[in-house]
Protein backbone atom coordinates (compact mmCIF):
# COMPACT_ATOMS: atom_id res chain seq x y z
CA MET A 1 -8.29 4.28 -16.83
CA GLY A 2 -5.86 6.93 -15.85
CA TRP A 3 -4.72 7.65 -12.26
CA VAL A 4 -7.11 10.52 -11.86
CA GLU A 5 -10.01 8.40 -13.04
CA ARG A 6 -9.19 6.12 -10.32
CA LEU A 7 -9.72 8.47 -7.38
CA HIS A 8 -13.64 9.81 -8.58
CA ASN A 9 -16.12 9.57 -5.95
CA LYS A 10 -13.16 9.56 -3.39
CA VAL A 11 -11.49 11.96 -1.08
CA VAL A 12 -8.15 12.82 -1.63
CA GLY A 13 -5.27 14.22 0.48
CA LEU A 14 -3.30 16.80 -1.16
CA ASP A 15 0.20 17.91 -0.26
CA THR A 16 1.77 21.22 -0.71
CA ALA A 17 3.89 20.72 -4.21
CA PRO A 18 1.34 19.59 -6.32
CA LEU A 19 -0.81 23.05 -5.52
CA ILE A 20 2.67 24.55 -6.08
CA TYR A 21 3.14 22.82 -9.00
CA PHE A 22 -0.43 23.63 -10.75
CA ILE A 23 -0.48 27.32 -9.77
CA GLU A 24 2.65 28.03 -10.64
CA ASP A 25 2.64 26.21 -14.08
CA HIS A 26 5.27 24.11 -13.37
CA PRO A 27 7.10 22.77 -16.88
CA GLY A 28 7.21 19.02 -15.29
CA TYR A 29 3.61 18.66 -13.62
CA SER A 30 1.20 21.10 -14.50
CA GLN A 31 -0.44 19.65 -17.41
CA GLN A 32 -0.32 16.35 -15.35
CA LEU A 33 -2.19 17.77 -12.83
CA ALA A 34 -4.96 19.48 -14.37
CA ALA A 35 -7.19 16.97 -14.63
CA PHE A 36 -6.74 16.44 -11.33
CA PHE A 37 -7.80 20.08 -10.41
CA GLU A 38 -10.09 19.86 -13.14
CA ALA A 39 -11.98 16.31 -11.31
CA VAL A 40 -11.78 18.17 -7.93
CA ASP A 41 -13.09 21.62 -9.37
CA GLN A 42 -16.24 19.92 -10.89
CA GLY A 43 -16.86 17.68 -8.00
CA ARG A 44 -15.92 14.64 -8.99
CA ILE A 45 -13.14 14.33 -6.47
CA ARG A 46 -12.91 15.93 -3.07
CA ALA A 47 -9.56 17.30 -2.43
CA VAL A 48 -8.47 17.66 1.55
CA THR A 49 -5.44 19.81 3.09
CA SER A 50 -4.17 21.35 6.02
CA VAL A 51 -3.56 24.89 6.92
CA ILE A 52 0.03 23.73 6.77
CA THR A 53 -0.28 24.31 3.35
CA LEU A 54 -1.19 27.78 2.97
CA VAL A 55 1.23 28.26 5.59
CA GLU A 56 4.08 26.51 2.75
CA VAL A 57 2.29 28.33 -0.53
CA LEU A 58 1.93 32.15 1.25
CA ALA A 59 6.01 31.88 2.49
CA ARG A 60 7.51 32.75 -1.02
CA PRO A 61 5.05 35.17 -2.40
CA LEU A 62 5.05 37.24 1.09
CA ARG A 63 8.99 37.09 1.32
CA GLU A 64 9.10 38.56 -2.32
CA ASP A 65 6.08 40.66 -2.36
CA GLN A 66 3.90 38.85 -4.95
CA SER A 67 0.61 40.07 -3.46
CA ASP A 68 -1.59 38.81 -6.50
CA LEU A 69 0.03 35.07 -5.87
CA ALA A 70 -0.55 35.35 -2.19
CA ASP A 71 -4.18 36.31 -2.97
CA ARG A 72 -4.44 33.58 -5.25
CA TYR A 73 -3.46 31.05 -3.24
CA ARG A 74 -5.92 32.42 0.03
CA GLU A 75 -8.43 32.17 -2.45
CA ILE A 76 -7.90 28.68 -3.67
CA LEU A 77 -7.52 27.30 -0.18
CA LEU A 78 -10.05 28.80 1.38
CA GLY A 79 -12.56 29.69 -1.17
CA SER A 80 -12.83 26.62 -3.24
CA THR A 81 -15.77 24.21 -3.20
CA GLY A 82 -13.99 21.24 -4.51
CA LEU A 83 -10.64 21.60 -2.03
CA GLU A 84 -11.09 22.16 2.22
CA THR A 85 -8.40 23.29 3.86
CA VAL A 86 -8.95 22.06 7.46
CA SER A 87 -7.43 23.44 10.88
CA VAL A 88 -5.03 21.24 13.14
CA SER A 89 -7.31 19.71 15.77
CA ALA A 90 -6.23 18.08 18.52
CA GLU A 91 -7.24 15.14 16.89
CA ILE A 92 -4.73 15.77 14.00
CA ALA A 93 -2.23 17.12 16.09
CA GLU A 94 -2.59 13.12 18.28
CA GLN A 95 -2.62 11.06 15.19
CA ALA A 96 0.60 13.36 13.64
CA ALA A 97 2.16 12.39 16.54
CA ARG A 98 1.45 8.84 15.98
CA LEU A 99 2.83 9.05 12.65
CA ARG A 100 5.78 10.93 13.47
CA ALA A 101 6.54 7.86 16.24
CA ALA A 102 6.06 5.50 13.96
CA TYR A 103 7.53 6.62 10.83
CA GLY A 104 9.98 9.37 11.77
CA LEU A 105 8.04 12.28 9.50
CA ARG A 106 8.88 15.73 10.00
CA THR A 107 5.74 17.85 12.07
CA PRO A 108 4.10 19.18 8.19
CA ASP A 109 4.15 15.85 6.86
CA ALA A 110 2.54 14.08 9.63
CA ILE A 111 0.32 16.95 9.75
CA GLN A 112 -0.79 16.71 6.24
CA LEU A 113 -1.05 12.86 6.29
CA ALA A 114 -3.01 13.28 9.47
CA ALA A 115 -5.56 15.44 8.21
CA ALA A 116 -6.15 13.42 5.11
CA THR A 117 -6.57 10.28 7.09
CA GLN A 118 -9.21 12.44 9.35
CA ALA A 119 -11.33 13.46 6.45
CA GLY A 120 -11.57 9.76 5.45
CA ALA A 121 -8.98 10.11 2.63
CA ALA A 122 -8.58 6.82 0.11
CA ALA A 123 -5.20 8.70 -1.26
CA PHE A 124 -2.68 11.14 -0.63
CA LEU A 125 -1.18 12.92 -3.52
CA THR A 126 2.22 14.29 -3.08
CA ASN A 127 5.48 14.44 -4.72
CA ASP A 128 7.71 13.52 -1.57
CA THR A 129 9.02 10.14 -2.58
CA THR A 130 9.57 9.71 1.11
CA LEU A 131 5.93 9.07 2.07
CA ALA A 132 5.92 6.25 -0.37
CA ARG A 133 5.72 4.17 2.71
CA ILE A 134 2.94 4.96 4.42
CA SER A 135 0.62 2.34 3.43
CA GLN A 136 -3.00 4.14 4.92
CA PRO A 137 -3.80 6.10 3.17
CA GLU A 138 -2.71 5.28 -0.26
CA VAL A 139 0.39 7.57 -1.12
CA LEU A 140 0.82 8.59 -4.87
CA VAL A 141 3.92 10.40 -5.56
CA LEU A 142 3.48 12.26 -8.70
CA SER A 143 6.78 11.79 -10.00
CA LYS A 144 5.95 7.72 -10.29
CA VAL A 145 2.26 8.37 -11.27
CA ARG A 146 1.50 7.90 -14.99
CA GLU A 147 -1.78 8.28 -17.08
CA ALA A 148 -2.43 4.47 -18.36
């Protein structure tokens, strides 16, 4: 069983990098992520991310006047059925503060993890190896997960 199949019927927190890699067809990761996003699209995995992802994915397309790419990101983050983009509530902010205090995380990372935790995520998909020290939810670092 591969890493994607292990996530079926679970909530998975999604960091920004995997989404960028998939949408922008990163040569090292887009193929690896295809099965994950297909499972999300088919409802076998429920993905959740925070509005921080919207901030992070829109910055470059807006700076470089790539309105088509910005629109694509908006459509995926705000209009997908299998991917929920949550606002930062007071509860998420408080949980993020706890994560910052306990692990010394940067604010965006703490918010992403707190949003995933608040949504009941069993795992958090990222490519940030510094987040691997977090035990709950299970952090899956894309560069380290492989199909079995």
